[in-house]
Structures are given as C-alpha cells and as structure tokens.
Amino acid sequence: MNTTDLVGYIAAFLTTLAFVPQAHQSWKTRDLSGVSLPMYSLFSLGVFSWLIYGVMISSWPIVMANSITLVLACVVLYLKMKHKA
C-alpha cells in the first residue's frame, strides 16, 4: 500500500466513523428534532455522487467510505421522515 492510499484509508475511516454516533443516537432515541431534512438529503446526494466518482476512478478508499456513510445517512433520513413531528 502506498502512502497516498494509506492517507485515503485513514481519511475514509475517520469521516465515516464521524457519522456512527448520529445514526446510533437517532436509532436509539428516535429524536430527530435537531436533524435538518434538507441538509441530510443534500448530504446523502453528495455522498452518493462521491461513491459514483470513486467507482469511476477505481478508488477503494472513496468507494468504501462513501458506501458506509451513505447507509448511515440514509438510516438517519429514513428515521427523520418516519418520526417527523
């Protein structure tokens, strides 16, 4: 593994890990009053775009990180829409 890939994997791990607490808290409490539906919708679209970009350039750090982040963001979006107050 070269240095560039290593930096990519570290960045991918950290940015993906950052979404785990939000998804976990949202799932556990079902309180999504502080979550912005437009922000998470745009964010999810952006993550999906990064995922497609990663596939197009065959960058596994980008593909892996954005696949996981997209799932986590979609969980939060689903819960936000389901438990809309």
PDB file of N, CA and C in Angstrom:
ATOM      1  N   MET A   1       0.848  -1.179   0.000  1.00  0.00           N
ATOM      2  CA  MET A   1       0.000   0.000   0.000  1.00  0.00           C
ATOM      3  C   MET A   1       0.891   1.239   0.000  1.00  0.00           C
ATOM      4  N   ASN A   2       0.608   2.160  -0.912  1.00  0.00           N
ATOM      5  CA  ASN A   2       1.420   3.365  -0.969  1.00  0.00           C
ATOM      6  C   ASN A   2       0.895   4.418   0.017  1.00  0.00           C
ATOM      7  N   THR A   3       1.666   5.463   0.219  1.00  0.00           N
ATOM      8  CA  THR A   3       1.331   6.499   1.193  1.00  0.00           C
ATOM      9  C   THR A   3       0.021   7.195   0.844  1.00  0.00           C
ATOM     10  N   THR A   4      -0.213   7.433  -0.424  1.00  0.00           N
ATOM     11  CA  THR A   4      -1.450   8.097  -0.850  1.00  0.00           C
ATOM     12  C   THR A   4      -2.669   7.276  -0.467  1.00  0.00           C
ATOM     13  N   ASP A   5      -2.625   5.967  -0.726  1.00  0.00           N
ATOM     14  CA  ASP A   5      -3.744   5.097  -0.350  1.00  0.00           C
ATOM     15  C   ASP A   5      -3.915   5.060   1.164  1.00  0.00           C
ATOM     16  N   LEU A   6      -2.807   5.017   1.900  1.00  0.00           N
ATOM     17  CA  LEU A   6      -2.881   4.994   3.353  1.00  0.00           C
ATOM     18  C   LEU A   6      -3.592   6.239   3.883  1.00  0.00           C
ATOM     19  N   VAL A   7      -3.225   7.392   3.365  1.00  0.00           N
ATOM     20  CA  VAL A   7      -3.889   8.637   3.771  1.00  0.00           C
ATOM     21  C   VAL A   7      -5.373   8.570   3.406  1.00  0.00           C
ATOM     22  N   GLY A   8      -5.687   8.048   2.244  1.00  0.00           N
ATOM     23  CA  GLY A   8      -7.077   7.901   1.819  1.00  0.00           C
ATOM     24  C   GLY A   8      -7.865   6.991   2.743  1.00  0.00           C
ATOM     25  N   TYR A   9      -7.287   5.871   3.120  1.00  0.00           N
ATOM     26  CA  TYR A   9      -7.978   4.949   4.025  1.00  0.00           C
ATOM     27  C   TYR A   9      -8.173   5.560   5.409  1.00  0.00           C
ATOM     28  N   ILE A  10      -7.181   6.272   5.910  1.00  0.00           N
ATOM     29  CA  ILE A  10      -7.312   6.925   7.223  1.00  0.00           C
ATOM     30  C   ILE A  10      -8.419   7.985   7.163  1.00  0.00           C
ATOM     31  N   ALA A  11      -8.396   8.822   6.122  1.00  0.00           N
ATOM     32  CA  ALA A  11      -9.429   9.849   5.968  1.00  0.00           C
ATOM     33  C   ALA A  11     -10.811   9.212   5.830  1.00  0.00           C
ATOM     34  N   ALA A  12     -10.902   8.158   5.050  1.00  0.00           N
ATOM     35  CA  ALA A  12     -12.174   7.464   4.854  1.00  0.00           C
ATOM     36  C   ALA A  12     -12.693   6.896   6.167  1.00  0.00           C
ATOM     37  N   PHE A  13     -11.826   6.274   6.932  1.00  0.00           N
ATOM     38  CA  PHE A  13     -12.219   5.692   8.213  1.00  0.00           C
ATOM     39  C   PHE A  13     -12.733   6.767   9.164  1.00  0.00           C
ATOM     40  N   LEU A  14     -11.991   7.859   9.284  1.00  0.00           N
ATOM     41  CA  LEU A  14     -12.362   8.911  10.231  1.00  0.00           C
ATOM     42  C   LEU A  14     -13.655   9.622   9.840  1.00  0.00           C
ATOM     43  N   THR A  15     -13.808   9.964   8.572  1.00  0.00           N
ATOM     44  CA  THR A  15     -15.021  10.675   8.170  1.00  0.00           C
ATOM     45  C   THR A  15     -16.254   9.771   8.226  1.00  0.00           C
ATOM     46  N   THR A  16     -16.079   8.501   7.962  1.00  0.00           N
ATOM     47  CA  THR A  16     -17.189   7.560   8.083  1.00  0.00           C
ATOM     48  C   THR A  16     -17.543   7.332   9.536  1.00  0.00           C
ATOM     49  N   LEU A  17     -16.542   7.153  10.374  1.00  0.00           N
ATOM     50  CA  LEU A  17     -16.759   6.948  11.800  1.00  0.00           C
ATOM     51  C   LEU A  17     -17.496   8.121  12.430  1.00  0.00           C
ATOM     52  N   ALA A  18     -17.308   9.314  11.905  1.00  0.00           N
ATOM     53  CA  ALA A  18     -17.951  10.509  12.457  1.00  0.00           C
ATOM     54  C   ALA A  18     -19.478  10.428  12.388  1.00  0.00           C
ATOM     55  N   PHE A  19     -20.033   9.642  11.467  1.00  0.00           N
ATOM     56  CA  PHE A  19     -21.486   9.547  11.331  1.00  0.00           C
ATOM     57  C   PHE A  19     -22.100   8.458  12.195  1.00  0.00           C
ATOM     58  N   VAL A  20     -21.312   7.582  12.745  1.00  0.00           N
ATOM     59  CA  VAL A  20     -21.841   6.500  13.563  1.00  0.00           C
ATOM     60  C   VAL A  20     -22.580   7.032  14.799  1.00  0.00           C
ATOM     61  N   PRO A  21     -22.029   7.990  15.551  1.00  0.00           N
ATOM     62  CA  PRO A  21     -22.766   8.472  16.733  1.00  0.00           C
ATOM     63  C   PRO A  21     -24.140   9.073  16.391  1.00  0.00           C
ATOM     64  N   GLN A  22     -24.237   9.833  15.293  1.00  0.00           N
ATOM     65  CA  GLN A  22     -25.532  10.423  14.914  1.00  0.00           C
ATOM     66  C   GLN A  22     -26.535   9.337  14.562  1.00  0.00           C
ATOM     67  N   ALA A  23     -26.112   8.371  13.758  1.00  0.00           N
ATOM     68  CA  ALA A  23     -27.017   7.287  13.371  1.00  0.00           C
ATOM     69  C   ALA A  23     -27.434   6.476  14.595  1.00  0.00           C
ATOM     70  N   HIS A  24     -26.495   6.189  15.473  1.00  0.00           N
ATOM     71  CA  HIS A  24     -26.799   5.406  16.683  1.00  0.00           C
ATOM     72  C   HIS A  24     -27.755   6.163  17.591  1.00  0.00           C
ATOM     73  N   GLN A  25     -27.482   7.439  17.830  1.00  0.00           N
ATOM     74  CA  GLN A  25     -28.336   8.259  18.695  1.00  0.00           C
ATOM     75  C   GLN A  25     -29.737   8.389  18.098  1.00  0.00           C
ATOM     76  N   SER A  26     -29.810   8.587  16.799  1.00  0.00           N
ATOM     77  CA  SER A  26     -31.104   8.711  16.132  1.00  0.00           C
ATOM     78  C   SER A  26     -31.901   7.422  16.240  1.00  0.00           C
ATOM     79  N   TRP A  27     -31.226   6.313  16.035  1.00  0.00           N
ATOM     80  CA  TRP A  27     -31.883   4.996  16.109  1.00  0.00           C
ATOM     81  C   TRP A  27     -32.365   4.724  17.530  1.00  0.00           C
ATOM     82  N   LYS A  28     -31.515   5.023  18.496  1.00  0.00           N
ATOM     83  CA  LYS A  28     -31.815   4.714  19.896  1.00  0.00           C
ATOM     84  C   LYS A  28     -32.947   5.576  20.454  1.00  0.00           C
ATOM     85  N   THR A  29     -32.899   6.873  20.210  1.00  0.00           N
ATOM     86  CA  THR A  29     -33.861   7.787  20.838  1.00  0.00           C
ATOM     87  C   THR A  29     -35.067   8.106  19.959  1.00  0.00           C
ATOM     88  N   ARG A  30     -34.926   7.936  18.665  1.00  0.00           N
ATOM     89  CA  ARG A  30     -35.949   8.328  17.690  1.00  0.00           C
ATOM     90  C   ARG A  30     -36.243   9.831  17.758  1.00  0.00           C
ATOM     91  N   ASP A  31     -35.350  10.593  18.398  1.00  0.00           N
ATOM     92  CA  ASP A  31     -35.480  12.047  18.467  1.00  0.00           C
ATOM     93  C   ASP A  31     -34.602  12.658  17.384  1.00  0.00           C
ATOM     94  N   LEU A  32     -35.233  13.111  16.348  1.00  0.00           N
ATOM     95  CA  LEU A  32     -34.505  13.703  15.231  1.00  0.00           C
ATOM     96  C   LEU A  32     -34.883  15.173  15.051  1.00  0.00           C
ATOM     97  N   SER A  33     -35.334  15.795  16.118  1.00  0.00           N
ATOM     98  CA  SER A  33     -35.773  17.187  16.041  1.00  0.00           C
ATOM     99  C   SER A  33     -34.631  18.123  15.648  1.00  0.00           C
ATOM    100  N   GLY A  34     -33.411  17.767  15.961  1.00  0.00           N
ATOM    101  CA  GLY A  34     -32.265  18.598  15.628  1.00  0.00           C
ATOM    102  C   GLY A  34     -31.644  18.279  14.282  1.00  0.00           C
ATOM    103  N   VAL A  35     -32.236  17.344  13.555  1.00  0.00           N
ATOM    104  CA  VAL A  35     -31.692  16.930  12.261  1.00  0.00           C
ATOM    105  C   VAL A  35     -32.438  17.668  11.154  1.00  0.00           C
ATOM    106  N   SER A  36     -31.705  18.307  10.282  1.00  0.00           N
ATOM    107  CA  SER A  36     -32.283  19.038   9.167  1.00  0.00           C
ATOM    108  C   SER A  36     -32.513  18.093   7.987  1.00  0.00           C
ATOM    109  N   LEU A  37     -33.769  17.943   7.589  1.00  0.00           N
ATOM    110  CA  LEU A  37     -34.099  17.073   6.458  1.00  0.00           C
ATOM    111  C   LEU A  37     -33.469  17.565   5.156  1.00  0.00           C
ATOM    112  N   PRO A  38     -33.536  18.870   4.854  1.00  0.00           N
ATOM    113  CA  PRO A  38     -32.875  19.321   3.615  1.00  0.00           C
ATOM    114  C   PRO A  38     -31.360  19.094   3.638  1.00  0.00           C
ATOM    115  N   MET A  39     -30.719  19.337   4.767  1.00  0.00           N
ATOM    116  CA  MET A  39     -29.268  19.152   4.855  1.00  0.00           C
ATOM    117  C   MET A  39     -28.902  17.688   4.645  1.00  0.00           C
ATOM    118  N   TYR A  40     -29.594  16.780   5.328  1.00  0.00           N
ATOM    119  CA  TYR A  40     -29.268  15.362   5.201  1.00  0.00           C
ATOM    120  C   TYR A  40     -29.612  14.832   3.809  1.00  0.00           C
ATOM    121  N   SER A  41     -30.645  15.391   3.189  1.00  0.00           N
ATOM    122  CA  SER A  41     -30.991  14.987   1.815  1.00  0.00           C
ATOM    123  C   SER A  41     -29.881  15.389   0.848  1.00  0.00           C
ATOM    124  N   LEU A  42     -29.450  16.641   0.938  1.00  0.00           N
ATOM    125  CA  LEU A  42     -28.363  17.108   0.074  1.00  0.00           C
ATOM    126  C   LEU A  42     -27.057  16.375   0.373  1.00  0.00           C
ATOM    127  N   PHE A  43     -26.795  16.156   1.658  1.00  0.00           N
ATOM    128  CA  PHE A  43     -25.592  15.438   2.048  1.00  0.00           C
ATOM    129  C   PHE A  43     -25.587  14.026   1.458  1.00  0.00           C
ATOM    130  N   SER A  44     -26.717  13.346   1.563  1.00  0.00           N
ATOM    131  CA  SER A  44     -26.814  11.976   1.038  1.00  0.00           C
ATOM    132  C   SER A  44     -26.615  11.947  -0.471  1.00  0.00           C
ATOM    133  N   LEU A  45     -27.169  12.928  -1.162  1.00  0.00           N
ATOM    134  CA  LEU A  45     -26.960  13.028  -2.605  1.00  0.00           C
ATOM    135  C   LEU A  45     -25.483  13.262  -2.925  1.00  0.00           C
ATOM    136  N   GLY A  46     -24.832  14.096  -2.134  1.00  0.00           N
ATOM    137  CA  GLY A  46     -23.402  14.335  -2.317  1.00  0.00           C
ATOM    138  C   GLY A  46     -22.572  13.089  -2.057  1.00  0.00           C
ATOM    139  N   VAL A  47     -22.909  12.359  -1.000  1.00  0.00           N
ATOM    140  CA  VAL A  47     -22.191  11.116  -0.691  1.00  0.00           C
ATOM    141  C   VAL A  47     -22.395  10.099  -1.810  1.00  0.00           C
ATOM    142  N   PHE A  48     -23.613  10.015  -2.331  1.00  0.00           N
ATOM    143  CA  PHE A  48     -23.875   9.110  -3.447  1.00  0.00           C
ATOM    144  C   PHE A  48     -23.024   9.495  -4.655  1.00  0.00           C
ATOM    145  N   SER A  49     -22.913  10.796  -4.899  1.00  0.00           N
ATOM    146  CA  SER A  49     -22.083  11.272  -6.011  1.00  0.00           C
ATOM    147  C   SER A  49     -20.613  10.915  -5.802  1.00  0.00           C
ATOM    148  N   TRP A  50     -20.115  11.071  -4.575  1.00  0.00           N
ATOM    149  CA  TRP A  50     -18.741  10.672  -4.266  1.00  0.00           C
ATOM    150  C   TRP A  50     -18.548   9.170  -4.475  1.00  0.00           C
ATOM    151  N   LEU A  51     -19.560   8.388  -4.126  1.00  0.00           N
ATOM    152  CA  LEU A  51     -19.492   6.946  -4.318  1.00  0.00           C
ATOM    153  C   LEU A  51     -19.371   6.616  -5.811  1.00  0.00           C
ATOM    154  N   ILE A  52     -20.198   7.238  -6.629  1.00  0.00           N
ATOM    155  CA  ILE A  52     -20.128   7.015  -8.075  1.00  0.00           C
ATOM    156  C   ILE A  52     -18.766   7.446  -8.610  1.00  0.00           C
ATOM    157  N   TYR A  53     -18.281   8.596  -8.156  1.00  0.00           N
ATOM    158  CA  TYR A  53     -16.961   9.078  -8.562  1.00  0.00           C
ATOM    159  C   TYR A  53     -15.878   8.070  -8.183  1.00  0.00           C
ATOM    160  N   GLY A  54     -15.933   7.550  -6.971  1.00  0.00           N
ATOM    161  CA  GLY A  54     -14.956   6.560  -6.529  1.00  0.00           C
ATOM    162  C   GLY A  54     -14.963   5.314  -7.386  1.00  0.00           C
ATOM    163  N   VAL A  55     -16.157   4.877  -7.776  1.00  0.00           N
ATOM    164  CA  VAL A  55     -16.273   3.712  -8.665  1.00  0.00           C
ATOM    165  C   VAL A  55     -15.656   4.041 -10.027  1.00  0.00           C
ATOM    166  N   MET A  56     -15.953   5.240 -10.535  1.00  0.00           N
ATOM    167  CA  MET A  56     -15.457   5.620 -11.859  1.00  0.00           C
ATOM    168  C   MET A  56     -13.939   5.697 -11.928  1.00  0.00           C
ATOM    169  N   ILE A  57     -13.302   6.114 -10.812  1.00  0.00           N
ATOM    170  CA  ILE A  57     -11.839   6.206 -10.827  1.00  0.00           C
ATOM    171  C   ILE A  57     -11.181   5.020 -10.123  1.00  0.00           C
ATOM    172  N   SER A  58     -11.982   4.032  -9.721  1.00  0.00           N
ATOM    173  CA  SER A  58     -11.495   2.820  -9.040  1.00  0.00           C
ATOM    174  C   SER A  58     -10.699   3.138  -7.783  1.00  0.00           C
ATOM    175  N   SER A  59     -11.244   4.019  -6.962  1.00  0.00           N
ATOM    176  CA  SER A  59     -10.598   4.375  -5.699  1.00  0.00           C
ATOM    177  C   SER A  59     -11.335   3.709  -4.547  1.00  0.00           C
ATOM    178  N   TRP A  60     -10.752   2.624  -4.033  1.00  0.00           N
ATOM    179  CA  TRP A  60     -11.423   1.853  -2.989  1.00  0.00           C
ATOM    180  C   TRP A  60     -11.609   2.621  -1.689  1.00  0.00           C
ATOM    181  N   PRO A  61     -10.694   3.503  -1.271  1.00  0.00           N
ATOM    182  CA  PRO A  61     -10.990   4.289  -0.059  1.00  0.00           C
ATOM    183  C   PRO A  61     -12.252   5.137  -0.229  1.00  0.00           C
ATOM    184  N   ILE A  62     -12.426   5.740  -1.393  1.00  0.00           N
ATOM    185  CA  ILE A  62     -13.608   6.567  -1.647  1.00  0.00           C
ATOM    186  C   ILE A  62     -14.859   5.700  -1.724  1.00  0.00           C
ATOM    187  N   VAL A  63     -14.771   4.588  -2.403  1.00  0.00           N
ATOM    188  CA  VAL A  63     -15.925   3.696  -2.549  1.00  0.00           C
ATOM    189  C   VAL A  63     -16.361   3.149  -1.193  1.00  0.00           C
ATOM    190  N   MET A  64     -15.432   2.630  -0.431  1.00  0.00           N
ATOM    191  CA  MET A  64     -15.782   2.028   0.857  1.00  0.00           C
ATOM    192  C   MET A  64     -16.354   3.062   1.830  1.00  0.00           C
ATOM    193  N   ALA A  65     -15.667   4.181   1.972  1.00  0.00           N
ATOM    194  CA  ALA A  65     -16.115   5.194   2.927  1.00  0.00           C
ATOM    195  C   ALA A  65     -17.494   5.719   2.565  1.00  0.00           C
ATOM    196  N   ASN A  66     -17.711   6.017   1.305  1.00  0.00           N
ATOM    197  CA  ASN A  66     -18.982   6.601   0.914  1.00  0.00           C
ATOM    198  C   ASN A  66     -20.111   5.586   0.878  1.00  0.00           C
ATOM    199  N   SER A  67     -19.802   4.327   0.675  1.00  0.00           N
ATOM    200  CA  SER A  67     -20.834   3.285   0.770  1.00  0.00           C
ATOM    201  C   SER A  67     -21.370   3.209   2.192  1.00  0.00           C
ATOM    202  N   ILE A  68     -20.464   3.157   3.146  1.00  0.00           N
ATOM    203  CA  ILE A  68     -20.868   3.063   4.555  1.00  0.00           C
ATOM    204  C   ILE A  68     -21.553   4.346   5.005  1.00  0.00           C
ATOM    205  N   THR A  69     -20.968   5.497   4.650  1.00  0.00           N
ATOM    206  CA  THR A  69     -21.554   6.772   5.046  1.00  0.00           C
ATOM    207  C   THR A  69     -22.942   6.945   4.439  1.00  0.00           C
ATOM    208  N   LEU A  70     -23.127   6.513   3.198  1.00  0.00           N
ATOM    209  CA  LEU A  70     -24.442   6.612   2.565  1.00  0.00           C
ATOM    210  C   LEU A  70     -25.479   5.780   3.319  1.00  0.00           C
ATOM    211  N   VAL A  71     -25.112   4.592   3.732  1.00  0.00           N
ATOM    212  CA  VAL A  71     -26.039   3.759   4.503  1.00  0.00           C
ATOM    213  C   VAL A  71     -26.404   4.466   5.813  1.00  0.00           C
ATOM    214  N   LEU A  72     -25.408   4.977   6.529  1.00  0.00           N
ATOM    215  CA  LEU A  72     -25.675   5.660   7.797  1.00  0.00           C
ATOM    216  C   LEU A  72     -26.537   6.902   7.598  1.00  0.00           C
ATOM    217  N   ALA A  73     -26.236   7.687   6.584  1.00  0.00           N
ATOM    218  CA  ALA A  73     -27.019   8.895   6.313  1.00  0.00           C
ATOM    219  C   ALA A  73     -28.448   8.535   5.917  1.00  0.00           C
ATOM    220  N   CYS A  74     -28.611   7.465   5.163  1.00  0.00           N
ATOM    221  CA  CYS A  74     -29.953   7.048   4.761  1.00  0.00           C
ATOM    222  C   CYS A  74     -30.763   6.532   5.956  1.00  0.00           C
ATOM    223  N   VAL A  75     -30.099   5.904   6.911  1.00  0.00           N
ATOM    224  CA  VAL A  75     -30.788   5.487   8.139  1.00  0.00           C
ATOM    225  C   VAL A  75     -31.328   6.720   8.856  1.00  0.00           C
ATOM    226  N   VAL A  76     -30.498   7.746   8.989  1.00  0.00           N
ATOM    227  CA  VAL A  76     -30.930   8.971   9.651  1.00  0.00           C
ATOM    228  C   VAL A  76     -32.071   9.617   8.859  1.00  0.00           C
ATOM    229  N   LEU A  77     -31.950   9.681   7.542  1.00  0.00           N
ATOM    230  CA  LEU A  77     -33.023  10.243   6.710  1.00  0.00           C
ATOM    231  C   LEU A  77     -34.329   9.466   6.863  1.00  0.00           C
ATOM    232  N   TYR A  78     -34.236   8.160   6.830  1.00  0.00           N
ATOM    233  CA  TYR A  78     -35.426   7.315   6.996  1.00  0.00           C
ATOM    234  C   TYR A  78     -36.092   7.589   8.336  1.00  0.00           C
ATOM    235  N   LEU A  79     -35.299   7.609   9.391  1.00  0.00           N
ATOM    236  CA  LEU A  79     -35.853   7.856  10.721  1.00  0.00           C
ATOM    237  C   LEU A  79     -36.454   9.249  10.820  1.00  0.00           C
ATOM    238  N   LYS A  80     -35.804  10.230  10.214  1.00  0.00           N
ATOM    239  CA  LYS A  80     -36.314  11.609  10.226  1.00  0.00           C
ATOM    240  C   LYS A  80     -37.682  11.663   9.550  1.00  0.00           C
ATOM    241  N   MET A  81     -37.822  11.008   8.409  1.00  0.00           N
ATOM    242  CA  MET A  81     -39.097  11.047   7.693  1.00  0.00           C
ATOM    243  C   MET A  81     -40.172  10.214   8.421  1.00  0.00           C
ATOM    244  N   LYS A  82     -39.766   9.113   9.013  1.00  0.00           N
ATOM    245  CA  LYS A  82     -40.711   8.245   9.710  1.00  0.00           C
ATOM    246  C   LYS A  82     -41.225   8.870  11.003  1.00  0.00           C
ATOM    247  N   HIS A  83     -40.345   9.557  11.711  1.00  0.00           N
ATOM    248  CA  HIS A  83     -40.697  10.119  13.021  1.00  0.00           C
ATOM    249  C   HIS A  83     -40.822  11.635  12.968  1.00  0.00           C
ATOM    250  N   LYS A  84     -41.221  12.149  11.828  1.00  0.00           N
ATOM    251  CA  LYS A  84     -41.380  13.588  11.657  1.00  0.00           C
ATOM    252  C   LYS A  84     -42.437  14.109  12.618  1.00  0.00           C
ATOM    253  N   ALA A  85     -42.074  15.144  13.321  1.00  0.00           N
ATOM    254  CA  ALA A  85     -43.025  15.693  14.300  1.00  0.00           C
ATOM    255  C   ALA A  85     -43.696  16.934  13.766  1.00  0.00           C
TER     256      ALA A  85
END
